[in-house]
């Protein structure tokens, strides 16, 4: 009887809300992501009509909210395949529902979106609220890591130039300077390297005095090295600061057209100087 009453309540809420915003929601979900941000307040209007839950609610109450939401979304004629997302709890190691996903056509691609439930401040803490969404999130498979056997930057540049792809990063570049190994030279060189537009300030430049070889050792992450001007400037910079490469095999992160990763994996693995490849994904949000 309890379940019957609960289901009846859900269907009543569904009917009331559907008549209010079905036409608008249908229009924004139909065959395009261009205006999908306009559906955010419509979904929040529906969630506001459900019984209150939060991160401290029982698993059953949270599951019921996700079920109500997916039932409502799937009630529209646009085929968005709304579904409850299930993952493994990192503390207890048990499967549990954690959100709602849906499929939206974006041109020729079907995107798998996840509702991004809002984070609010409560009692000085940030918690997830399941009473509203902040938007959507999704992932694009648009890059590939290629671990090479190359430790010489000229070999890396030749490989990059032969492929015609943009480059996000060149990682694991390790160099030692034969300039006098003191803290003054270390900070001088490090500061000038960080001023380069193609040196990744996010990761920074790690520097050590007399690490496992004499001299000043630098780990330098490089950006956008498909740019021939950047390549030429880095070669000159190495000469200016008497840098030579240590035997660290470099990783190149190539940008690739979306969903072509398997083809590029096959291509790169044919080279005898490639150790391994790994596809990479970029997270995007819609607000």
C-alpha atoms as a PDB file:
ATOM      1  CA  UNK A   1       0.000   0.000   0.000  1.00  0.00           C
ATOM      2  CA  UNK A   2       2.845   2.361   0.872  1.00  0.00           C
ATOM      3  CA  UNK A   3       4.448   1.850  -2.556  1.00  0.00           C
ATOM      4  CA  UNK A   4       1.089   2.321  -4.303  1.00  0.00           C
ATOM      5  CA  UNK A   5       0.562   5.666  -2.555  1.00  0.00           C
ATOM      6  CA  UNK A   6       4.137   6.732  -3.356  1.00  0.00           C
ATOM      7  CA  UNK A   7       3.731   5.863  -7.028  1.00  0.00           C
ATOM      8  CA  UNK A   8       0.383   7.637  -7.186  1.00  0.00           C
ATOM      9  CA  UNK A   9       1.970  10.776  -5.748  1.00  0.00           C
ATOM     10  CA  UNK A  10       4.764  10.629  -8.340  1.00  0.00           C
ATOM     11  CA  UNK A  11       2.325  10.253 -11.225  1.00  0.00           C
ATOM     12  CA  UNK A  12       0.273  13.192  -9.940  1.00  0.00           C
ATOM     13  CA  UNK A  13       3.366  15.419  -9.790  1.00  0.00           C
ATOM     14  CA  UNK A  14       4.400  14.219 -13.252  1.00  0.00           C
ATOM     15  CA  UNK A  15       1.033  15.079 -14.739  1.00  0.00           C
ATOM     16  CA  UNK A  16       0.878  18.547 -13.176  1.00  0.00           C
ATOM     17  CA  UNK A  17       4.427  19.508 -14.181  1.00  0.00           C
ATOM     18  CA  UNK A  18       4.303  18.026 -17.679  1.00  0.00           C
ATOM     19  CA  UNK A  19       1.356  20.173 -18.706  1.00  0.00           C
ATOM     20  CA  UNK A  20       3.203  23.304 -17.557  1.00  0.00           C
ATOM     21  CA  UNK A  21       6.491  22.958 -19.438  1.00  0.00           C
ATOM     22  CA  UNK A  22       6.305  19.965 -21.802  1.00  0.00           C
ATOM     23  CA  UNK A  23       6.195  22.044 -24.982  1.00  0.00           C
ATOM     24  CA  UNK A  24       9.225  24.163 -24.057  1.00  0.00           C
ATOM     25  CA  UNK A  25      11.266  21.231 -22.824  1.00  0.00           C
ATOM     26  CA  UNK A  26      10.514  19.233 -25.971  1.00  0.00           C
ATOM     27  CA  UNK A  27      11.664  22.126 -28.155  1.00  0.00           C
ATOM     28  CA  UNK A  28      15.000  22.635 -26.386  1.00  0.00           C
ATOM     29  CA  UNK A  29      15.859  18.903 -26.193  1.00  0.00           C
ATOM     30  CA  UNK A  30      15.039  18.247 -29.853  1.00  0.00           C
ATOM     31  CA  UNK A  31      18.012  17.235 -32.060  1.00  0.00           C
ATOM     32  CA  UNK A  32      20.428  19.899 -30.814  1.00  0.00           C
ATOM     33  CA  UNK A  33      22.409  21.040 -27.779  1.00  0.00           C
ATOM     34  CA  UNK A  34      22.337  24.663 -28.909  1.00  0.00           C
ATOM     35  CA  UNK A  35      19.641  25.736 -26.452  1.00  0.00           C
ATOM     36  CA  UNK A  36      19.847  22.972 -23.878  1.00  0.00           C
ATOM     37  CA  UNK A  37      20.821  25.469 -21.153  1.00  0.00           C
ATOM     38  CA  UNK A  38      17.217  26.710 -21.357  1.00  0.00           C
ATOM     39  CA  UNK A  39      16.018  23.383 -19.927  1.00  0.00           C
ATOM     40  CA  UNK A  40      17.849  23.915 -16.608  1.00  0.00           C
ATOM     41  CA  UNK A  41      15.105  26.047 -14.941  1.00  0.00           C
ATOM     42  CA  UNK A  42      12.431  23.655 -16.270  1.00  0.00           C
ATOM     43  CA  UNK A  43      14.091  20.676 -14.605  1.00  0.00           C
ATOM     44  CA  UNK A  44      14.580  22.685 -11.414  1.00  0.00           C
ATOM     45  CA  UNK A  45      10.877  23.550 -11.455  1.00  0.00           C
ATOM     46  CA  UNK A  46      10.075  19.848 -11.579  1.00  0.00           C
ATOM     47  CA  UNK A  47      12.565  18.982  -8.812  1.00  0.00           C
ATOM     48  CA  UNK A  48      11.103  21.687  -6.577  1.00  0.00           C
ATOM     49  CA  UNK A  49       7.777  19.846  -6.663  1.00  0.00           C
ATOM     50  CA  UNK A  50       9.229  16.593  -5.306  1.00  0.00           C
ATOM     51  CA  UNK A  51       9.618  15.685  -1.620  1.00  0.00           C
ATOM     52  CA  UNK A  52      12.746  17.277  -0.140  1.00  0.00           C
ATOM     53  CA  UNK A  53      15.947  15.208  -0.088  1.00  0.00           C
ATOM     54  CA  UNK A  54      19.609  16.015   0.514  1.00  0.00           C
ATOM     55  CA  UNK A  55      22.953  14.274   0.798  1.00  0.00           C
ATOM     56  CA  UNK A  56      21.935  12.961   4.231  1.00  0.00           C
ATOM     57  CA  UNK A  57      18.700  11.357   3.005  1.00  0.00           C
ATOM     58  CA  UNK A  58      18.392   7.587   2.855  1.00  0.00           C
ATOM     59  CA  UNK A  59      19.473   5.648  -0.214  1.00  0.00           C
ATOM     60  CA  UNK A  60      15.828   4.737  -0.853  1.00  0.00           C
ATOM     61  CA  UNK A  61      14.723   8.397  -0.801  1.00  0.00           C
ATOM     62  CA  UNK A  62      17.515   9.383  -3.165  1.00  0.00           C
ATOM     63  CA  UNK A  63      16.731   6.485  -5.520  1.00  0.00           C
ATOM     64  CA  UNK A  64      13.087   7.532  -5.542  1.00  0.00           C
ATOM     65  CA  UNK A  65      14.014  11.070  -6.579  1.00  0.00           C
ATOM     66  CA  UNK A  66      16.194   9.794  -9.420  1.00  0.00           C
ATOM     67  CA  UNK A  67      13.413   7.444 -10.522  1.00  0.00           C
ATOM     68  CA  UNK A  68      10.845  10.248 -10.511  1.00  0.00           C
ATOM     69  CA  UNK A  69      13.145  12.450 -12.561  1.00  0.00           C
ATOM     70  CA  UNK A  70      13.975   9.799 -15.171  1.00  0.00           C
ATOM     71  CA  UNK A  71      10.307   8.815 -15.492  1.00  0.00           C
ATOM     72  CA  UNK A  72       9.358  12.432 -16.106  1.00  0.00           C
ATOM     73  CA  UNK A  73      12.147  13.019 -18.641  1.00  0.00           C
ATOM     74  CA  UNK A  74      11.283   9.834 -20.532  1.00  0.00           C
ATOM     75  CA  UNK A  75       7.614  10.839 -20.675  1.00  0.00           C
ATOM     76  CA  UNK A  76       8.394  13.309 -23.467  1.00  0.00           C
ATOM     77  CA  UNK A  77       8.327  12.220 -27.093  1.00  0.00           C
ATOM     78  CA  UNK A  78      11.931  13.359 -27.701  1.00  0.00           C
ATOM     79  CA  UNK A  79      14.069  10.264 -27.269  1.00  0.00           C
ATOM     80  CA  UNK A  80      16.638  11.274 -24.643  1.00  0.00           C
ATOM     81  CA  UNK A  81      16.993   7.882 -22.927  1.00  0.00           C
ATOM     82  CA  UNK A  82      17.103   9.287 -19.387  1.00  0.00           C
ATOM     83  CA  UNK A  83      18.532   6.740 -16.946  1.00  0.00           C
ATOM     84  CA  UNK A  84      19.782   6.407 -13.390  1.00  0.00           C
ATOM     85  CA  UNK A  85      23.573   6.348 -13.119  1.00  0.00           C
ATOM     86  CA  UNK A  86      25.101   3.760 -10.812  1.00  0.00           C
ATOM     87  CA  UNK A  87      28.653   3.685  -9.439  1.00  0.00           C
ATOM     88  CA  UNK A  88      30.696   2.077  -6.687  1.00  0.00           C
ATOM     89  CA  UNK A  89      30.863   3.819  -3.316  1.00  0.00           C
ATOM     90  CA  UNK A  90      34.552   4.502  -2.640  1.00  0.00           C
ATOM     91  CA  UNK A  91      34.170   3.980   1.122  1.00  0.00           C
ATOM     92  CA  UNK A  92      32.015   0.859   1.306  1.00  0.00           C
ATOM     93  CA  UNK A  93      32.698  -0.599  -2.130  1.00  0.00           C
ATOM     94  CA  UNK A  94      28.990  -1.059  -2.859  1.00  0.00           C
ATOM     95  CA  UNK A  95      27.042  -0.079  -5.958  1.00  0.00           C
ATOM     96  CA  UNK A  96      24.701   2.855  -5.530  1.00  0.00           C
ATOM     97  CA  UNK A  97      22.815   5.404  -7.617  1.00  0.00           C
ATOM     98  CA  UNK A  98      24.540   8.777  -7.824  1.00  0.00           C
ATOM     99  CA  UNK A  99      22.821  10.731 -10.592  1.00  0.00           C
ATOM    100  CA  UNK A 100      20.853  10.881 -13.809  1.00  0.00           C
ATOM    101  CA  UNK A 101      22.178  10.728 -17.360  1.00  0.00           C
ATOM    102  CA  UNK A 102      20.587  11.356 -20.741  1.00  0.00           C
ATOM    103  CA  UNK A 103      21.485  11.227 -24.431  1.00  0.00           C
ATOM    104  CA  UNK A 104      21.276  14.319 -26.651  1.00  0.00           C
ATOM    105  CA  UNK A 105      22.056  14.657 -30.335  1.00  0.00           C
ATOM    106  CA  UNK A 106      24.730  17.263 -31.082  1.00  0.00           C
ATOM    107  CA  UNK A 107      24.922  17.403 -34.860  1.00  0.00           C
ATOM    108  CA  UNK A 108      26.079  13.947 -35.945  1.00  0.00           C
ATOM    109  CA  UNK A 109      27.206  12.948 -32.427  1.00  0.00           C
ATOM    110  CA  UNK A 110      25.098  11.520 -29.609  1.00  0.00           C
ATOM    111  CA  UNK A 111      26.391  13.101 -26.400  1.00  0.00           C
ATOM    112  CA  UNK A 112      26.065  11.373 -23.045  1.00  0.00           C
ATOM    113  CA  UNK A 113      25.175  14.112 -20.578  1.00  0.00           C
ATOM    114  CA  UNK A 114      24.968  13.921 -16.802  1.00  0.00           C
ATOM    115  CA  UNK A 115      22.820  16.213 -14.715  1.00  0.00           C
ATOM    116  CA  UNK A 116      25.162  18.332 -12.601  1.00  0.00           C
ATOM    117  CA  UNK A 117      23.394  18.710  -9.262  1.00  0.00           C
ATOM    118  CA  UNK A 118      24.102  22.011  -7.543  1.00  0.00           C
ATOM    119  CA  UNK A 119      26.511  22.425  -4.651  1.00  0.00           C
ATOM    120  CA  UNK A 120      25.308  24.714  -1.860  1.00  0.00           C
ATOM    121  CA  UNK A 121      26.710  26.023   1.418  1.00  0.00           C
ATOM    122  CA  UNK A 122      25.116  24.613   4.553  1.00  0.00           C
ATOM    123  CA  UNK A 123      26.437  25.142   8.071  1.00  0.00           C
ATOM    124  CA  UNK A 124      29.814  26.197   6.746  1.00  0.00           C
ATOM    125  CA  UNK A 125      30.106  23.095   4.538  1.00  0.00           C
ATOM    126  CA  UNK A 126      29.609  22.574   0.815  1.00  0.00           C
ATOM    127  CA  UNK A 127      27.121  19.799   0.074  1.00  0.00           C
ATOM    128  CA  UNK A 128      25.344  18.475  -3.011  1.00  0.00           C
ATOM    129  CA  UNK A 129      21.672  19.349  -3.185  1.00  0.00           C
ATOM    130  CA  UNK A 130      19.382  17.101  -5.182  1.00  0.00           C
ATOM    131  CA  UNK A 131      16.664  19.754  -5.279  1.00  0.00           C
ATOM    132  CA  UNK A 132      18.197  21.642  -8.215  1.00  0.00           C
ATOM    133  CA  UNK A 133      20.772  21.256 -10.945  1.00  0.00           C
ATOM    134  CA  UNK A 134      23.480  23.739 -11.879  1.00  0.00           C
ATOM    135  CA  UNK A 135      23.552  22.422 -15.439  1.00  0.00           C
ATOM    136  CA  UNK A 136      24.983  19.473 -17.349  1.00  0.00           C
ATOM    137  CA  UNK A 137      28.424  17.944 -17.762  1.00  0.00           C
ATOM    138  CA  UNK A 138      29.821  15.723 -20.478  1.00  0.00           C
ATOM    139  CA  UNK A 139      33.149  14.456 -21.767  1.00  0.00           C
ATOM    140  CA  UNK A 140      34.812  14.623 -25.182  1.00  0.00           C
ATOM    141  CA  UNK A 141      37.409  12.053 -26.200  1.00  0.00           C
ATOM    142  CA  UNK A 142      39.665  14.557 -27.975  1.00  0.00           C
ATOM    143  CA  UNK A 143      43.300  13.865 -27.074  1.00  0.00           C
ATOM    144  CA  UNK A 144      45.774  10.994 -26.905  1.00  0.00           C
ATOM    145  CA  UNK A 145      48.907  10.478 -24.797  1.00  0.00           C
ATOM    146  CA  UNK A 146      51.823   8.981 -26.732  1.00  0.00           C
ATOM    147  CA  UNK A 147      54.776   7.726 -24.671  1.00  0.00           C
ATOM    148  CA  UNK A 148      57.841   7.776 -26.917  1.00  0.00           C
ATOM    149  CA  UNK A 149      61.356   6.401 -26.575  1.00  0.00           C
ATOM    150  CA  UNK A 150      62.666   9.849 -27.475  1.00  0.00           C
ATOM    151  CA  UNK A 151      64.686  11.892 -25.007  1.00  0.00           C
ATOM    152  CA  UNK A 152      66.052  14.344 -27.617  1.00  0.00           C
ATOM    153  CA  UNK A 153      63.794  17.290 -28.333  1.00  0.00           C
ATOM    154  CA  UNK A 154      64.732  17.417 -32.034  1.00  0.00           C
ATOM    155  CA  UNK A 155      63.375  13.874 -32.443  1.00  0.00           C
ATOM    156  CA  UNK A 156      60.180  14.934 -30.662  1.00  0.00           C
ATOM    157  CA  UNK A 157      59.763  17.982 -32.912  1.00  0.00           C
ATOM    158  CA  UNK A 158      60.362  15.912 -36.059  1.00  0.00           C
ATOM    159  CA  UNK A 159      57.661  13.474 -34.948  1.00  0.00           C
ATOM    160  CA  UNK A 160      55.220  16.292 -34.158  1.00  0.00           C
ATOM    161  CA  UNK A 161      55.855  17.972 -37.497  1.00  0.00           C
ATOM    162  CA  UNK A 162      55.269  14.721 -39.390  1.00  0.00           C
ATOM    163  CA  UNK A 163      51.750  14.239 -37.989  1.00  0.00           C
ATOM    164  CA  UNK A 164      50.087  17.617 -38.630  1.00  0.00           C
ATOM    165  CA  UNK A 165      48.234  17.534 -35.294  1.00  0.00           C
ATOM    166  CA  UNK A 166      48.055  20.208 -32.618  1.00  0.00           C
ATOM    167  CA  UNK A 167      49.886  19.388 -29.391  1.00  0.00           C
ATOM    168  CA  UNK A 168      48.581  20.043 -25.892  1.00  0.00           C
ATOM    169  CA  UNK A 169      51.710  19.100 -23.962  1.00  0.00           C
ATOM    170  CA  UNK A 170      55.179  17.671 -24.248  1.00  0.00           C
ATOM    171  CA  UNK A 171      55.757  16.086 -20.846  1.00  0.00           C
ATOM    172  CA  UNK A 172      58.740  14.609 -18.961  1.00  0.00           C
ATOM    173  CA  UNK A 173      61.269  16.885 -20.640  1.00  0.00           C
ATOM    174  CA  UNK A 174      64.345  16.814 -18.390  1.00  0.00           C
ATOM    175  CA  UNK A 175      67.340  19.108 -18.969  1.00  0.00           C
ATOM    176  CA  UNK A 176      70.572  19.976 -17.190  1.00  0.00           C
ATOM    177  CA  UNK A 177      72.447  23.260 -17.470  1.00  0.00           C
ATOM    178  CA  UNK A 178      76.238  23.443 -17.476  1.00  0.00           C
ATOM    179  CA  UNK A 179      76.139  27.011 -16.119  1.00  0.00           C
ATOM    180  CA  UNK A 180      77.606  27.324 -12.598  1.00  0.00           C
ATOM    181  CA  UNK A 181      75.397  25.274 -10.271  1.00  0.00           C
ATOM    182  CA  UNK A 182      74.226  27.800  -7.694  1.00  0.00           C
ATOM    183  CA  UNK A 183      70.870  29.071  -6.481  1.00  0.00           C
ATOM    184  CA  UNK A 184      71.276  32.411  -8.290  1.00  0.00           C
ATOM    185  CA  UNK A 185      71.563  30.758 -11.703  1.00  0.00           C
ATOM    186  CA  UNK A 186      68.809  28.297 -10.819  1.00  0.00           C
ATOM    187  CA  UNK A 187      66.296  31.045 -10.060  1.00  0.00           C
ATOM    188  CA  UNK A 188      67.455  33.191 -13.003  1.00  0.00           C
ATOM    189  CA  UNK A 189      67.009  30.394 -15.544  1.00  0.00           C
ATOM    190  CA  UNK A 190      63.787  29.129 -13.964  1.00  0.00           C
ATOM    191  CA  UNK A 191      62.232  32.609 -14.020  1.00  0.00           C
ATOM    192  CA  UNK A 192      63.106  33.122 -17.678  1.00  0.00           C
ATOM    193  CA  UNK A 193      61.731  29.703 -18.608  1.00  0.00           C
ATOM    194  CA  UNK A 194      58.430  30.432 -16.865  1.00  0.00           C
ATOM    195  CA  UNK A 195      58.137  33.681 -18.840  1.00  0.00           C
ATOM    196  CA  UNK A 196      57.985  31.737 -22.107  1.00  0.00           C
ATOM    197  CA  UNK A 197      54.442  31.593 -23.574  1.00  0.00           C
ATOM    198  CA  UNK A 198      54.833  27.867 -24.305  1.00  0.00           C
ATOM    199  CA  UNK A 199      56.075  26.790 -20.849  1.00  0.00           C
ATOM    200  CA  UNK A 200      53.225  25.452 -18.736  1.00  0.00           C
ATOM    201  CA  UNK A 201      52.893  27.694 -15.689  1.00  0.00           C
ATOM    202  CA  UNK A 202      50.192  25.434 -14.277  1.00  0.00           C
ATOM    203  CA  UNK A 203      52.632  22.578 -13.758  1.00  0.00           C
ATOM    204  CA  UNK A 204      55.550  24.938 -13.238  1.00  0.00           C
ATOM    205  CA  UNK A 205      59.245  24.257 -13.780  1.00  0.00           C
ATOM    206  CA  UNK A 206      60.852  22.009 -11.179  1.00  0.00           C
ATOM    207  CA  UNK A 207      64.543  22.772 -10.612  1.00  0.00           C
ATOM    208  CA  UNK A 208      67.262  21.022  -8.583  1.00  0.00           C
ATOM    209  CA  UNK A 209      70.924  21.665  -7.800  1.00  0.00           C
ATOM    210  CA  UNK A 210      73.235  18.699  -8.417  1.00  0.00           C
ATOM    211  CA  UNK A 211      70.343  16.264  -8.568  1.00  0.00           C
ATOM    212  CA  UNK A 212      71.592  12.835  -9.720  1.00  0.00           C
ATOM    213  CA  UNK A 213      73.954  14.537 -12.191  1.00  0.00           C
ATOM    214  CA  UNK A 214      76.186  17.600 -11.594  1.00  0.00           C
ATOM    215  CA  UNK A 215      74.681  20.938 -12.605  1.00  0.00           C
ATOM    216  CA  UNK A 216      71.195  22.469 -12.478  1.00  0.00           C
ATOM    217  CA  UNK A 217      68.402  20.120 -13.522  1.00  0.00           C
ATOM    218  CA  UNK A 218      65.085  21.390 -14.890  1.00  0.00           C
ATOM    219  CA  UNK A 219      61.826  19.589 -15.642  1.00  0.00           C
ATOM    220  CA  UNK A 220      60.105  21.713 -18.283  1.00  0.00           C
ATOM    221  CA  UNK A 221      56.515  21.008 -19.481  1.00  0.00           C
ATOM    222  CA  UNK A 222      55.979  22.510 -22.926  1.00  0.00           C
ATOM    223  CA  UNK A 223      52.686  23.658 -24.496  1.00  0.00           C
ATOM    224  CA  UNK A 224      51.498  24.044 -28.108  1.00  0.00           C
ATOM    225  CA  UNK A 225      54.709  22.715 -29.593  1.00  0.00           C
ATOM    226  CA  UNK A 226      53.182  22.227 -33.037  1.00  0.00           C
ATOM    227  CA  UNK A 227      54.015  25.925 -33.355  1.00  0.00           C
ATOM    228  CA  UNK A 228      57.265  26.074 -35.369  1.00  0.00           C
ATOM    229  CA  UNK A 229      58.183  29.479 -33.870  1.00  0.00           C
ATOM    230  CA  UNK A 230      57.927  27.987 -30.381  1.00  0.00           C
ATOM    231  CA  UNK A 231      60.096  25.067 -31.466  1.00  0.00           C
ATOM    232  CA  UNK A 232      62.783  27.399 -32.809  1.00  0.00           C
ATOM    233  CA  UNK A 233      62.675  29.555 -29.672  1.00  0.00           C
ATOM    234  CA  UNK A 234      63.048  26.514 -27.415  1.00  0.00           C
ATOM    235  CA  UNK A 235      66.107  25.320 -29.319  1.00  0.00           C
ATOM    236  CA  UNK A 236      67.622  28.826 -28.946  1.00  0.00           C
ATOM    237  CA  UNK A 237      66.685  28.882 -25.244  1.00  0.00           C
ATOM    238  CA  UNK A 238      68.467  25.586 -24.692  1.00  0.00           C
ATOM    239  CA  UNK A 239      71.585  27.115 -26.267  1.00  0.00           C
ATOM    240  CA  UNK A 240      71.278  30.349 -24.255  1.00  0.00           C
ATOM    241  CA  UNK A 241      71.155  28.526 -20.922  1.00  0.00           C
ATOM    242  CA  UNK A 242      73.464  25.652 -21.915  1.00  0.00           C
ATOM    243  CA  UNK A 243      70.718  23.065 -21.497  1.00  0.00           C
ATOM    244  CA  UNK A 244      71.076  19.495 -22.692  1.00  0.00           C
ATOM    245  CA  UNK A 245      68.556  16.702 -22.497  1.00  0.00           C
ATOM    246  CA  UNK A 246      68.853  13.940 -19.931  1.00  0.00           C
ATOM    247  CA  UNK A 247      67.738  10.415 -20.743  1.00  0.00           C
ATOM    248  CA  UNK A 248      64.046  10.915 -19.962  1.00  0.00           C
ATOM    249  CA  UNK A 249      61.653   9.495 -22.518  1.00  0.00           C
ATOM    250  CA  UNK A 250      59.085  12.142 -23.381  1.00  0.00           C
ATOM    251  CA  UNK A 251      55.295  11.951 -23.614  1.00  0.00           C
ATOM    252  CA  UNK A 252      53.440  13.906 -26.292  1.00  0.00           C
ATOM    253  CA  UNK A 253      49.770  14.754 -25.804  1.00  0.00           C
ATOM    254  CA  UNK A 254      48.221  15.226 -29.249  1.00  0.00           C
ATOM    255  CA  UNK A 255      44.865  16.901 -29.906  1.00  0.00           C
ATOM    256  CA  UNK A 256      42.781  14.698 -32.191  1.00  0.00           C
ATOM    257  CA  UNK A 257      39.337  15.055 -33.782  1.00  0.00           C
ATOM    258  CA  UNK A 258      36.613  13.856 -31.451  1.00  0.00           C
ATOM    259  CA  UNK A 259      35.928  10.108 -31.472  1.00  0.00           C
ATOM    260  CA  UNK A 260      38.916   9.255 -33.689  1.00  0.00           C
ATOM    261  CA  UNK A 261      40.954   7.902 -30.786  1.00  0.00           C
ATOM    262  CA  UNK A 262      40.894   4.228 -31.773  1.00  0.00           C
ATOM    263  CA  UNK A 263      42.156   5.050 -35.255  1.00  0.00           C
ATOM    264  CA  UNK A 264      44.999   7.172 -33.889  1.00  0.00           C
ATOM    265  CA  UNK A 265      45.890   4.486 -31.324  1.00  0.00           C
ATOM    266  CA  UNK A 266      46.291   2.015 -34.172  1.00  0.00           C
ATOM    267  CA  UNK A 267      48.392   4.484 -36.150  1.00  0.00           C
ATOM    268  CA  UNK A 268      50.748   5.418 -33.313  1.00  0.00           C
ATOM    269  CA  UNK A 269      51.286   1.835 -32.137  1.00  0.00           C
ATOM    270  CA  UNK A 270      52.801   0.990 -35.534  1.00  0.00           C
ATOM    271  CA  UNK A 271      55.880   3.087 -34.702  1.00  0.00           C
ATOM    272  CA  UNK A 272      58.712   1.188 -33.024  1.00  0.00           C
ATOM    273  CA  UNK A 273      59.634   4.296 -30.991  1.00  0.00           C
ATOM    274  CA  UNK A 274      56.201   4.418 -29.290  1.00  0.00           C
ATOM    275  CA  UNK A 275      55.942   2.625 -25.928  1.00  0.00           C
ATOM    276  CA  UNK A 276      52.209   3.067 -25.349  1.00  0.00           C
ATOM    277  CA  UNK A 277      49.204   5.275 -26.015  1.00  0.00           C
ATOM    278  CA  UNK A 278      46.279   6.326 -23.835  1.00  0.00           C
ATOM    279  CA  UNK A 279      43.111   8.154 -24.834  1.00  0.00           C
ATOM    280  CA  UNK A 280      42.238  11.315 -22.923  1.00  0.00           C
ATOM    281  CA  UNK A 281      38.928  13.062 -22.243  1.00  0.00           C
ATOM    282  CA  UNK A 282      38.081  16.707 -21.642  1.00  0.00           C
ATOM    283  CA  UNK A 283      35.232  17.614 -19.305  1.00  0.00           C
ATOM    284  CA  UNK A 284      32.782  20.281 -20.478  1.00  0.00           C
ATOM    285  CA  UNK A 285      29.959  21.939 -18.557  1.00  0.00           C
ATOM    286  CA  UNK A 286      26.745  23.606 -19.694  1.00  0.00           C
ATOM    287  CA  UNK A 287      25.355  26.340 -17.481  1.00  0.00           C
END
